[in-house]
Amino acid sequence: MKILEWFQFSIGALLILNGLFIFAIELYGVYKLQYVLNRMHAAAMGDTLGILSTLSGLMVISGWNFTSVKLGLVILFFWFASPVSSHLISRLEVTTNEKINEKCEVKQ
C-alpha cells in the first residue's frame, strides 16, 4: 500500500510542479511582451492551464473524496470563466483603442 501512496503523491507533485512552471512562463510573458493584447493572451492561457494542472495535482494527492469533487468544480468554473473574461476585456481594448492600427492588423 505504501508504494501506491508514493506513486499517487509523486504524480500529484509532478502536476503541481507543472502548474508552477506554467505560471512562471505566464509571468515572463506578462512582463516581457510589449502590447496589451499579447500580455492578455499570455495571462489567459497561463491561468487556464496552470490552474488546471495545479488543482488536478491537488485532486490526485487528496484522493477520491468530497474535496476532490469541490476542486473539480473549481476547475470547471475557471475553465469557463477565465477565457470568457479575457475575451471580453480584449474585445473592449480593441473597440476603445484608437491607435490599434499601429500595433496590430485589424480585420473588418
PDB file of N, CA and C in Angstrom:
ATOM      1  N   MET A   1       0.811  -1.198   0.000  1.00  0.00           N
ATOM      2  CA  MET A   1       0.000   0.000   0.000  1.00  0.00           C
ATOM      3  C   MET A   1       0.856   1.265   0.000  1.00  0.00           C
ATOM      4  N   LYS A   2       2.036   1.193   0.597  1.00  0.00           N
ATOM      5  CA  LYS A   2       2.915   2.359   0.641  1.00  0.00           C
ATOM      6  C   LYS A   2       3.370   2.765  -0.756  1.00  0.00           C
ATOM      7  N   ILE A   3       3.594   1.787  -1.609  1.00  0.00           N
ATOM      8  CA  ILE A   3       4.055   2.093  -2.969  1.00  0.00           C
ATOM      9  C   ILE A   3       2.979   2.848  -3.728  1.00  0.00           C
ATOM     10  N   LEU A   4       1.734   2.459  -3.546  1.00  0.00           N
ATOM     11  CA  LEU A   4       0.623   3.144  -4.207  1.00  0.00           C
ATOM     12  C   LEU A   4       0.485   4.589  -3.721  1.00  0.00           C
ATOM     13  N   GLU A   5       0.693   4.806  -2.421  1.00  0.00           N
ATOM     14  CA  GLU A   5       0.617   6.168  -1.879  1.00  0.00           C
ATOM     15  C   GLU A   5       1.752   7.037  -2.403  1.00  0.00           C
ATOM     16  N   TRP A   6       2.953   6.468  -2.496  1.00  0.00           N
ATOM     17  CA  TRP A   6       4.074   7.231  -3.043  1.00  0.00           C
ATOM     18  C   TRP A   6       3.861   7.529  -4.525  1.00  0.00           C
ATOM     19  N   PHE A   7       3.304   6.589  -5.251  1.00  0.00           N
ATOM     20  CA  PHE A   7       3.009   6.826  -6.668  1.00  0.00           C
ATOM     21  C   PHE A   7       1.970   7.928  -6.820  1.00  0.00           C
ATOM     22  N   GLN A   8       0.926   7.910  -5.995  1.00  0.00           N
ATOM     23  CA  GLN A   8      -0.107   8.946  -6.024  1.00  0.00           C
ATOM     24  C   GLN A   8       0.492  10.306  -5.672  1.00  0.00           C
ATOM     25  N   PHE A   9       1.335  10.342  -4.650  1.00  0.00           N
ATOM     26  CA  PHE A   9       1.965  11.599  -4.251  1.00  0.00           C
ATOM     27  C   PHE A   9       2.895  12.122  -5.332  1.00  0.00           C
ATOM     28  N   SER A  10       3.671  11.238  -5.972  1.00  0.00           N
ATOM     29  CA  SER A  10       4.609  11.699  -6.997  1.00  0.00           C
ATOM     30  C   SER A  10       3.881  12.219  -8.237  1.00  0.00           C
ATOM     31  N   ILE A  11       2.785  11.578  -8.633  1.00  0.00           N
ATOM     32  CA  ILE A  11       2.007  12.085  -9.771  1.00  0.00           C
ATOM     33  C   ILE A  11       1.404  13.443  -9.432  1.00  0.00           C
ATOM     34  N   GLY A  12       0.849  13.579  -8.228  1.00  0.00           N
ATOM     35  CA  GLY A  12       0.287  14.857  -7.806  1.00  0.00           C
ATOM     36  C   GLY A  12       1.336  15.943  -7.725  1.00  0.00           C
ATOM     37  N   ALA A  13       2.521  15.605  -7.208  1.00  0.00           N
ATOM     38  CA  ALA A  13       3.598  16.599  -7.112  1.00  0.00           C
ATOM     39  C   ALA A  13       4.073  17.033  -8.498  1.00  0.00           C
ATOM     40  N   LEU A  14       4.137  16.090  -9.433  1.00  0.00           N
ATOM     41  CA  LEU A  14       4.539  16.456 -10.799  1.00  0.00           C
ATOM     42  C   LEU A  14       3.514  17.384 -11.450  1.00  0.00           C
ATOM     43  N   LEU A  15       2.236  17.129 -11.211  1.00  0.00           N
ATOM     44  CA  LEU A  15       1.205  18.013 -11.770  1.00  0.00           C
ATOM     45  C   LEU A  15       1.284  19.405 -11.146  1.00  0.00           C
ATOM     46  N   ILE A  16       1.534  19.474  -9.848  1.00  0.00           N
ATOM     47  CA  ILE A  16       1.648  20.782  -9.188  1.00  0.00           C
ATOM     48  C   ILE A  16       2.884  21.527  -9.696  1.00  0.00           C
ATOM     49  N   LEU A  17       4.004  20.831  -9.836  1.00  0.00           N
ATOM     50  CA  LEU A  17       5.205  21.476 -10.374  1.00  0.00           C
ATOM     51  C   LEU A  17       5.002  21.925 -11.819  1.00  0.00           C
ATOM     52  N   ASN A  18       4.269  21.146 -12.596  1.00  0.00           N
ATOM     53  CA  ASN A  18       3.947  21.542 -13.968  1.00  0.00           C
ATOM     54  C   ASN A  18       3.115  22.826 -13.956  1.00  0.00           C
ATOM     55  N   GLY A  19       2.144  22.915 -13.038  1.00  0.00           N
ATOM     56  CA  GLY A  19       1.345  24.133 -12.927  1.00  0.00           C
ATOM     57  C   GLY A  19       2.181  25.334 -12.530  1.00  0.00           C
ATOM     58  N   LEU A  20       3.124  25.140 -11.605  1.00  0.00           N
ATOM     59  CA  LEU A  20       4.006  26.244 -11.214  1.00  0.00           C
ATOM     60  C   LEU A  20       4.897  26.679 -12.367  1.00  0.00           C
ATOM     61  N   PHE A  21       5.353  25.722 -13.171  1.00  0.00           N
ATOM     62  CA  PHE A  21       6.152  26.054 -14.346  1.00  0.00           C
ATOM     63  C   PHE A  21       5.333  26.860 -15.355  1.00  0.00           C
ATOM     64  N   ILE A  22       4.083  26.475 -15.545  1.00  0.00           N
ATOM     65  CA  ILE A  22       3.206  27.220 -16.457  1.00  0.00           C
ATOM     66  C   ILE A  22       2.973  28.630 -15.928  1.00  0.00           C
ATOM     67  N   PHE A  23       2.789  28.774 -14.615  1.00  0.00           N
ATOM     68  CA  PHE A  23       2.625  30.108 -14.034  1.00  0.00           C
ATOM     69  C   PHE A  23       3.887  30.958 -14.217  1.00  0.00           C
ATOM     70  N   ALA A  24       5.070  30.339 -14.119  1.00  0.00           N
ATOM     71  CA  ALA A  24       6.317  31.078 -14.321  1.00  0.00           C
ATOM     72  C   ALA A  24       6.426  31.569 -15.765  1.00  0.00           C
ATOM     73  N   ILE A  25       6.044  30.723 -16.719  1.00  0.00           N
ATOM     74  CA  ILE A  25       6.059  31.145 -18.129  1.00  0.00           C
ATOM     75  C   ILE A  25       5.049  32.267 -18.350  1.00  0.00           C
ATOM     76  N   GLU A  26       3.907  32.170 -17.695  1.00  0.00           N
ATOM     77  CA  GLU A  26       2.896  33.222 -17.805  1.00  0.00           C
ATOM     78  C   GLU A  26       3.438  34.554 -17.291  1.00  0.00           C
ATOM     79  N   LEU A  27       4.099  34.532 -16.147  1.00  0.00           N
ATOM     80  CA  LEU A  27       4.669  35.763 -15.600  1.00  0.00           C
ATOM     81  C   LEU A  27       5.704  36.368 -16.536  1.00  0.00           C
ATOM     82  N   TYR A  28       6.536  35.520 -17.109  1.00  0.00           N
ATOM     83  CA  TYR A  28       7.524  36.013 -18.060  1.00  0.00           C
ATOM     84  C   TYR A  28       6.837  36.673 -19.255  1.00  0.00           C
ATOM     85  N   GLY A  29       5.795  36.040 -19.766  1.00  0.00           N
ATOM     86  CA  GLY A  29       5.074  36.603 -20.909  1.00  0.00           C
ATOM     87  C   GLY A  29       4.379  37.912 -20.570  1.00  0.00           C
ATOM     88  N   VAL A  30       3.819  38.004 -19.379  1.00  0.00           N
ATOM     89  CA  VAL A  30       3.109  39.221 -18.989  1.00  0.00           C
ATOM     90  C   VAL A  30       4.087  40.386 -18.842  1.00  0.00           C
ATOM     91  N   TYR A  31       5.277  40.139 -18.313  1.00  0.00           N
ATOM     92  CA  TYR A  31       6.228  41.234 -18.106  1.00  0.00           C
ATOM     93  C   TYR A  31       7.076  41.555 -19.321  1.00  0.00           C
ATOM     94  N   LYS A  32       7.298  40.603 -20.217  1.00  0.00           N
ATOM     95  CA  LYS A  32       8.197  40.845 -21.342  1.00  0.00           C
ATOM     96  C   LYS A  32       7.492  41.234 -22.634  1.00  0.00           C
ATOM     97  N   LEU A  33       6.239  40.859 -22.807  1.00  0.00           N
ATOM     98  CA  LEU A  33       5.546  41.219 -24.044  1.00  0.00           C
ATOM     99  C   LEU A  33       5.173  42.700 -24.007  1.00  0.00           C
ATOM    100  N   GLN A  34       5.174  43.328 -25.172  1.00  0.00           N
ATOM    101  CA  GLN A  34       5.018  44.778 -25.234  1.00  0.00           C
ATOM    102  C   GLN A  34       3.562  45.235 -25.311  1.00  0.00           C
ATOM    103  N   TYR A  35       2.767  44.563 -26.110  1.00  0.00           N
ATOM    104  CA  TYR A  35       1.408  45.042 -26.363  1.00  0.00           C
ATOM    105  C   TYR A  35       0.428  44.375 -25.408  1.00  0.00           C
ATOM    106  N   VAL A  36      -0.620  45.111 -25.043  1.00  0.00           N
ATOM    107  CA  VAL A  36      -1.551  44.650 -24.020  1.00  0.00           C
ATOM    108  C   VAL A  36      -2.301  43.386 -24.430  1.00  0.00           C
ATOM    109  N   LEU A  37      -2.636  43.233 -25.701  1.00  0.00           N
ATOM    110  CA  LEU A  37      -3.345  42.024 -26.133  1.00  0.00           C
ATOM    111  C   LEU A  37      -2.448  40.790 -26.056  1.00  0.00           C
ATOM    112  N   ASN A  38      -1.169  40.959 -26.343  1.00  0.00           N
ATOM    113  CA  ASN A  38      -0.240  39.840 -26.188  1.00  0.00           C
ATOM    114  C   ASN A  38      -0.108  39.462 -24.718  1.00  0.00           C
ATOM    115  N   ARG A  39      -0.049  40.448 -23.856  1.00  0.00           N
ATOM    116  CA  ARG A  39       0.026  40.178 -22.418  1.00  0.00           C
ATOM    117  C   ARG A  39      -1.223  39.468 -21.928  1.00  0.00           C
ATOM    118  N   MET A  40      -2.373  39.903 -22.429  1.00  0.00           N
ATOM    119  CA  MET A  40      -3.624  39.276 -22.009  1.00  0.00           C
ATOM    120  C   MET A  40      -3.694  37.823 -22.471  1.00  0.00           C
ATOM    121  N   HIS A  41      -3.185  37.548 -23.651  1.00  0.00           N
ATOM    122  CA  HIS A  41      -3.186  36.177 -24.144  1.00  0.00           C
ATOM    123  C   HIS A  41      -2.308  35.292 -23.262  1.00  0.00           C
ATOM    124  N   ALA A  42      -1.132  35.801 -22.912  1.00  0.00           N
ATOM    125  CA  ALA A  42      -0.243  35.028 -22.036  1.00  0.00           C
ATOM    126  C   ALA A  42      -0.892  34.795 -20.671  1.00  0.00           C
ATOM    127  N   ALA A  43      -1.550  35.801 -20.139  1.00  0.00           N
ATOM    128  CA  ALA A  43      -2.188  35.658 -18.827  1.00  0.00           C
ATOM    129  C   ALA A  43      -3.368  34.691 -18.879  1.00  0.00           C
ATOM    130  N   ALA A  44      -4.170  34.774 -19.920  1.00  0.00           N
ATOM    131  CA  ALA A  44      -5.347  33.911 -20.009  1.00  0.00           C
ATOM    132  C   ALA A  44      -4.953  32.447 -20.199  1.00  0.00           C
ATOM    133  N   MET A  45      -4.002  32.193 -21.082  1.00  0.00           N
ATOM    134  CA  MET A  45      -3.579  30.814 -21.307  1.00  0.00           C
ATOM    135  C   MET A  45      -2.883  30.252 -20.075  1.00  0.00           C
ATOM    136  N   GLY A  46      -2.059  31.077 -19.452  1.00  0.00           N
ATOM    137  CA  GLY A  46      -1.365  30.618 -18.255  1.00  0.00           C
ATOM    138  C   GLY A  46      -2.310  30.321 -17.113  1.00  0.00           C
ATOM    139  N   ASP A  47      -3.304  31.172 -16.922  1.00  0.00           N
ATOM    140  CA  ASP A  47      -4.270  30.929 -15.851  1.00  0.00           C
ATOM    141  C   ASP A  47      -5.056  29.657 -16.101  1.00  0.00           C
ATOM    142  N   THR A  48      -5.533  29.486 -17.301  1.00  0.00           N
ATOM    143  CA  THR A  48      -6.357  28.319 -17.600  1.00  0.00           C
ATOM    144  C   THR A  48      -5.563  27.023 -17.448  1.00  0.00           C
ATOM    145  N   LEU A  49      -4.391  26.958 -18.044  1.00  0.00           N
ATOM    146  CA  LEU A  49      -3.599  25.728 -17.988  1.00  0.00           C
ATOM    147  C   LEU A  49      -2.947  25.517 -16.629  1.00  0.00           C
ATOM    148  N   GLY A  50      -2.463  26.605 -16.018  1.00  0.00           N
ATOM    149  CA  GLY A  50      -1.812  26.484 -14.718  1.00  0.00           C
ATOM    150  C   GLY A  50      -2.766  26.058 -13.621  1.00  0.00           C
ATOM    151  N   ILE A  51      -3.948  26.642 -13.600  1.00  0.00           N
ATOM    152  CA  ILE A  51      -4.944  26.270 -12.600  1.00  0.00           C
ATOM    153  C   ILE A  51      -5.401  24.833 -12.822  1.00  0.00           C
ATOM    154  N   LEU A  52      -5.589  24.443 -14.072  1.00  0.00           N
ATOM    155  CA  LEU A  52      -5.989  23.064 -14.371  1.00  0.00           C
ATOM    156  C   LEU A  52      -4.954  22.075 -13.859  1.00  0.00           C
ATOM    157  N   SER A  53      -3.690  22.321 -14.142  1.00  0.00           N
ATOM    158  CA  SER A  53      -2.644  21.394 -13.736  1.00  0.00           C
ATOM    159  C   SER A  53      -2.458  21.377 -12.219  1.00  0.00           C
ATOM    160  N   THR A  54      -2.438  22.544 -11.590  1.00  0.00           N
ATOM    161  CA  THR A  54      -2.218  22.610 -10.151  1.00  0.00           C
ATOM    162  C   THR A  54      -3.362  21.977  -9.375  1.00  0.00           C
ATOM    163  N   LEU A  55      -4.578  22.303  -9.722  1.00  0.00           N
ATOM    164  CA  LEU A  55      -5.710  21.736  -8.997  1.00  0.00           C
ATOM    165  C   LEU A  55      -5.883  20.244  -9.299  1.00  0.00           C
ATOM    166  N   SER A  56      -5.499  19.810 -10.483  1.00  0.00           N
ATOM    167  CA  SER A  56      -5.523  18.378 -10.769  1.00  0.00           C
ATOM    168  C   SER A  56      -4.520  17.637  -9.886  1.00  0.00           C
ATOM    169  N   GLY A  57      -3.357  18.242  -9.670  1.00  0.00           N
ATOM    170  CA  GLY A  57      -2.378  17.653  -8.766  1.00  0.00           C
ATOM    171  C   GLY A  57      -2.899  17.566  -7.344  1.00  0.00           C
ATOM    172  N   LEU A  58      -3.593  18.605  -6.902  1.00  0.00           N
ATOM    173  CA  LEU A  58      -4.180  18.563  -5.565  1.00  0.00           C
ATOM    174  C   LEU A  58      -5.270  17.508  -5.473  1.00  0.00           C
ATOM    175  N   MET A  59      -6.022  17.304  -6.551  1.00  0.00           N
ATOM    176  CA  MET A  59      -7.043  16.269  -6.566  1.00  0.00           C
ATOM    177  C   MET A  59      -6.420  14.877  -6.464  1.00  0.00           C
ATOM    178  N   VAL A  60      -5.323  14.671  -7.168  1.00  0.00           N
ATOM    179  CA  VAL A  60      -4.657  13.368  -7.132  1.00  0.00           C
ATOM    180  C   VAL A  60      -4.093  13.105  -5.733  1.00  0.00           C
ATOM    181  N   ILE A  61      -3.508  14.117  -5.115  1.00  0.00           N
ATOM    182  CA  ILE A  61      -2.925  13.936  -3.782  1.00  0.00           C
ATOM    183  C   ILE A  61      -4.002  13.667  -2.735  1.00  0.00           C
ATOM    184  N   SER A  62      -5.119  14.380  -2.827  1.00  0.00           N
ATOM    185  CA  SER A  62      -6.144  14.218  -1.793  1.00  0.00           C
ATOM    186  C   SER A  62      -6.926  12.919  -1.949  1.00  0.00           C
ATOM    187  N   GLY A  63      -6.875  12.304  -3.109  1.00  0.00           N
ATOM    188  CA  GLY A  63      -7.608  11.056  -3.313  1.00  0.00           C
ATOM    189  C   GLY A  63      -9.050  11.332  -3.712  1.00  0.00           C
ATOM    190  N   TRP A  64      -9.854  10.259  -3.738  1.00  0.00           N
ATOM    191  CA  TRP A  64     -11.250  10.410  -4.151  1.00  0.00           C
ATOM    192  C   TRP A  64     -12.102  10.674  -2.921  1.00  0.00           C
ATOM    193  N   ASN A  65     -12.451  11.947  -2.719  1.00  0.00           N
ATOM    194  CA  ASN A  65     -13.312  12.342  -1.608  1.00  0.00           C
ATOM    195  C   ASN A  65     -14.067  13.608  -2.005  1.00  0.00           C
ATOM    196  N   PHE A  66     -14.762  14.196  -1.053  1.00  0.00           N
ATOM    197  CA  PHE A  66     -15.566  15.369  -1.349  1.00  0.00           C
ATOM    198  C   PHE A  66     -14.707  16.575  -1.721  1.00  0.00           C
ATOM    199  N   THR A  67     -13.505  16.635  -1.188  1.00  0.00           N
ATOM    200  CA  THR A  67     -12.589  17.732  -1.524  1.00  0.00           C
ATOM    201  C   THR A  67     -12.230  17.699  -3.000  1.00  0.00           C
ATOM    202  N   SER A  68     -11.990  16.507  -3.547  1.00  0.00           N
ATOM    203  CA  SER A  68     -11.652  16.444  -4.974  1.00  0.00           C
ATOM    204  C   SER A  68     -12.832  16.798  -5.854  1.00  0.00           C
ATOM    205  N   VAL A  69     -14.039  16.533  -5.395  1.00  0.00           N
ATOM    206  CA  VAL A  69     -15.219  16.950  -6.155  1.00  0.00           C
ATOM    207  C   VAL A  69     -15.302  18.473  -6.186  1.00  0.00           C
ATOM    208  N   LYS A  70     -15.049  19.109  -5.038  1.00  0.00           N
ATOM    209  CA  LYS A  70     -15.063  20.579  -4.999  1.00  0.00           C
ATOM    210  C   LYS A  70     -13.955  21.170  -5.852  1.00  0.00           C
ATOM    211  N   LEU A  71     -12.774  20.566  -5.822  1.00  0.00           N
ATOM    212  CA  LEU A  71     -11.678  21.042  -6.672  1.00  0.00           C
ATOM    213  C   LEU A  71     -12.019  20.867  -8.154  1.00  0.00           C
ATOM    214  N   GLY A  72     -12.702  19.790  -8.488  1.00  0.00           N
ATOM    215  CA  GLY A  72     -13.147  19.588  -9.866  1.00  0.00           C
ATOM    216  C   GLY A  72     -14.141  20.650 -10.305  1.00  0.00           C
ATOM    217  N   LEU A  73     -15.015  21.051  -9.403  1.00  0.00           N
ATOM    218  CA  LEU A  73     -15.956  22.124  -9.736  1.00  0.00           C
ATOM    219  C   LEU A  73     -15.252  23.464  -9.887  1.00  0.00           C
ATOM    220  N   VAL A  74     -14.218  23.698  -9.081  1.00  0.00           N
ATOM    221  CA  VAL A  74     -13.426  24.927  -9.231  1.00  0.00           C
ATOM    222  C   VAL A  74     -12.721  24.930 -10.580  1.00  0.00           C
ATOM    223  N   ILE A  75     -12.159  23.774 -10.983  1.00  0.00           N
ATOM    224  CA  ILE A  75     -11.526  23.671 -12.302  1.00  0.00           C
ATOM    225  C   ILE A  75     -12.536  23.968 -13.396  1.00  0.00           C
ATOM    226  N   LEU A  76     -13.705  23.403 -13.283  1.00  0.00           N
ATOM    227  CA  LEU A  76     -14.749  23.618 -14.291  1.00  0.00           C
ATOM    228  C   LEU A  76     -15.136  25.092 -14.375  1.00  0.00           C
ATOM    229  N   PHE A  77     -15.286  25.743 -13.221  1.00  0.00           N
ATOM    230  CA  PHE A  77     -15.633  27.165 -13.218  1.00  0.00           C
ATOM    231  C   PHE A  77     -14.540  28.003 -13.874  1.00  0.00           C
ATOM    232  N   PHE A  78     -13.279  27.778 -13.483  1.00  0.00           N
ATOM    233  CA  PHE A  78     -12.185  28.560 -14.067  1.00  0.00           C
ATOM    234  C   PHE A  78     -11.991  28.231 -15.544  1.00  0.00           C
ATOM    235  N   TRP A  79     -12.268  26.997 -15.941  1.00  0.00           N
ATOM    236  CA  TRP A  79     -12.105  26.609 -17.340  1.00  0.00           C
ATOM    237  C   TRP A  79     -13.048  27.403 -18.243  1.00  0.00           C
ATOM    238  N   PHE A  80     -14.241  27.733 -17.717  1.00  0.00           N
ATOM    239  CA  PHE A  80     -15.184  28.530 -18.500  1.00  0.00           C
ATOM    240  C   PHE A  80     -15.026  30.027 -18.264  1.00  0.00           C
ATOM    241  N   ALA A  81     -14.743  30.461 -17.053  1.00  0.00           N
ATOM    242  CA  ALA A  81     -14.746  31.879 -16.716  1.00  0.00           C
ATOM    243  C   ALA A  81     -13.509  32.621 -17.211  1.00  0.00           C
ATOM    244  N   SER A  82     -12.348  32.017 -17.127  1.00  0.00           N
ATOM    245  CA  SER A  82     -11.119  32.714 -17.496  1.00  0.00           C
ATOM    246  C   SER A  82     -11.058  33.074 -18.983  1.00  0.00           C
ATOM    247  N   PRO A  83     -11.316  32.158 -19.910  1.00  0.00           N
ATOM    248  CA  PRO A  83     -11.270  32.562 -21.323  1.00  0.00           C
ATOM    249  C   PRO A  83     -12.357  33.567 -21.700  1.00  0.00           C
ATOM    250  N   VAL A  84     -13.532  33.439 -21.109  1.00  0.00           N
ATOM    251  CA  VAL A  84     -14.619  34.369 -21.435  1.00  0.00           C
ATOM    252  C   VAL A  84     -14.288  35.769 -20.943  1.00  0.00           C
ATOM    253  N   SER A  85     -13.819  35.888 -19.718  1.00  0.00           N
ATOM    254  CA  SER A  85     -13.488  37.219 -19.198  1.00  0.00           C
ATOM    255  C   SER A  85     -12.317  37.830 -19.953  1.00  0.00           C
ATOM    256  N   SER A  86     -11.324  37.041 -20.298  1.00  0.00           N
ATOM    257  CA  SER A  86     -10.192  37.563 -21.070  1.00  0.00           C
ATOM    258  C   SER A  86     -10.626  38.014 -22.458  1.00  0.00           C
ATOM    259  N   HIS A  87     -11.530  37.265 -23.063  1.00  0.00           N
ATOM    260  CA  HIS A  87     -12.039  37.656 -24.377  1.00  0.00           C
ATOM    261  C   HIS A  87     -12.794  38.979 -24.294  1.00  0.00           C
ATOM    262  N   LEU A  88     -13.610  39.146 -23.266  1.00  0.00           N
ATOM    263  CA  LEU A  88     -14.370  40.387 -23.139  1.00  0.00           C
ATOM    264  C   LEU A  88     -13.468  41.586 -22.883  1.00  0.00           C
ATOM    265  N   ILE A  89     -12.455  41.421 -22.065  1.00  0.00           N
ATOM    266  CA  ILE A  89     -11.532  42.523 -21.790  1.00  0.00           C
ATOM    267  C   ILE A  89     -10.729  42.869 -23.036  1.00  0.00           C
ATOM    268  N   SER A  90     -10.275  41.870 -23.782  1.00  0.00           N
ATOM    269  CA  SER A  90      -9.531  42.163 -25.011  1.00  0.00           C
ATOM    270  C   SER A  90     -10.435  42.777 -26.075  1.00  0.00           C
ATOM    271  N   ARG A  91     -11.691  42.372 -26.108  1.00  0.00           N
ATOM    272  CA  ARG A  91     -12.641  42.983 -27.045  1.00  0.00           C
ATOM    273  C   ARG A  91     -12.847  44.457 -26.719  1.00  0.00           C
ATOM    274  N   LEU A  92     -12.887  44.779 -25.432  1.00  0.00           N
ATOM    275  CA  LEU A  92     -13.001  46.170 -25.002  1.00  0.00           C
ATOM    276  C   LEU A  92     -11.775  46.968 -25.418  1.00  0.00           C
ATOM    277  N   GLU A  93     -10.601  46.379 -25.321  1.00  0.00           N
ATOM    278  CA  GLU A  93      -9.374  47.051 -25.742  1.00  0.00           C
ATOM    279  C   GLU A  93      -9.395  47.341 -27.238  1.00  0.00           C
ATOM    280  N   VAL A  94      -9.855  46.397 -28.019  1.00  0.00           N
ATOM    281  CA  VAL A  94      -9.888  46.581 -29.472  1.00  0.00           C
ATOM    282  C   VAL A  94     -10.882  47.671 -29.854  1.00  0.00           C
ATOM    283  N   THR A  95     -12.026  47.725 -29.195  1.00  0.00           N
ATOM    284  CA  THR A  95     -13.041  48.705 -29.581  1.00  0.00           C
ATOM    285  C   THR A  95     -12.758  50.106 -29.065  1.00  0.00           C
ATOM    286  N   THR A  96     -11.981  50.243 -27.993  1.00  0.00           N
ATOM    287  CA  THR A  96     -11.758  51.578 -27.429  1.00  0.00           C
ATOM    288  C   THR A  96     -10.409  52.184 -27.772  1.00  0.00           C
ATOM    289  N   ASN A  97      -9.492  51.421 -28.312  1.00  0.00           N
ATOM    290  CA  ASN A  97      -8.159  51.944 -28.615  1.00  0.00           C
ATOM    291  C   ASN A  97      -8.143  52.524 -30.024  1.00  0.00           C
ATOM    292  N   GLU A  98      -7.901  53.824 -30.108  1.00  0.00           N
ATOM    293  CA  GLU A  98      -7.864  54.470 -31.432  1.00  0.00           C
ATOM    294  C   GLU A  98      -6.581  54.169 -32.188  1.00  0.00           C
ATOM    295  N   LYS A  99      -5.506  53.843 -31.483  1.00  0.00           N
ATOM    296  CA  LYS A  99      -4.210  53.604 -32.116  1.00  0.00           C
ATOM    297  C   LYS A  99      -3.931  52.118 -32.309  1.00  0.00           C
ATOM    298  N   ILE A 100      -4.968  51.325 -32.462  1.00  0.00           N
ATOM    299  CA  ILE A 100      -4.762  49.877 -32.580  1.00  0.00           C
ATOM    300  C   ILE A 100      -4.109  49.506 -33.908  1.00  0.00           C
ATOM    301  N   ASN A 101      -4.274  50.312 -34.932  1.00  0.00           N
ATOM    302  CA  ASN A 101      -3.676  50.011 -36.229  1.00  0.00           C
ATOM    303  C   ASN A 101      -2.155  50.084 -36.198  1.00  0.00           C
ATOM    304  N   GLU A 102      -1.593  50.828 -35.247  1.00  0.00           N
ATOM    305  CA  GLU A 102      -0.132  50.889 -35.129  1.00  0.00           C
ATOM    306  C   GLU A 102       0.439  49.588 -34.585  1.00  0.00           C
ATOM    307  N   LYS A 103      -0.303  48.916 -33.757  1.00  0.00           N
ATOM    308  CA  LYS A 103       0.208  47.727 -33.069  1.00  0.00           C
ATOM    309  C   LYS A 103      -0.134  46.417 -33.775  1.00  0.00           C
ATOM    310  N   CYS A 104      -1.287  46.343 -34.378  1.00  0.00           N
ATOM    311  CA  CYS A 104      -1.705  45.075 -34.990  1.00  0.00           C
ATOM    312  C   CYS A 104      -2.600  45.339 -36.189  1.00  0.00           C
ATOM    313  N   GLU A 105      -2.850  44.276 -36.930  1.00  0.00           N
ATOM    314  CA  GLU A 105      -3.699  44.364 -38.113  1.00  0.00           C
ATOM    315  C   GLU A 105      -5.132  44.035 -37.704  1.00  0.00           C
ATOM    316  N   VAL A 106      -6.052  44.931 -38.052  1.00  0.00           N
ATOM    317  CA  VAL A 106      -7.457  44.754 -37.678  1.00  0.00           C
ATOM    318  C   VAL A 106      -8.221  44.302 -38.904  1.00  0.00           C
ATOM    319  N   LYS A 107      -8.922  43.179 -38.794  1.00  0.00           N
ATOM    320  CA  LYS A 107      -9.753  42.693 -39.895  1.00  0.00           C
ATOM    321  C   LYS A 107     -11.157  43.227 -39.683  1.00  0.00           C
ATOM    322  N   GLN A 108     -11.736  43.750 -40.739  1.00  0.00           N
ATOM    323  CA  GLN A 108     -13.074  44.345 -40.619  1.00  0.00           C
ATOM    324  C   GLN A 108     -14.129  43.511 -41.268  1.00  0.00           C
TER     325      GLN A 108
END
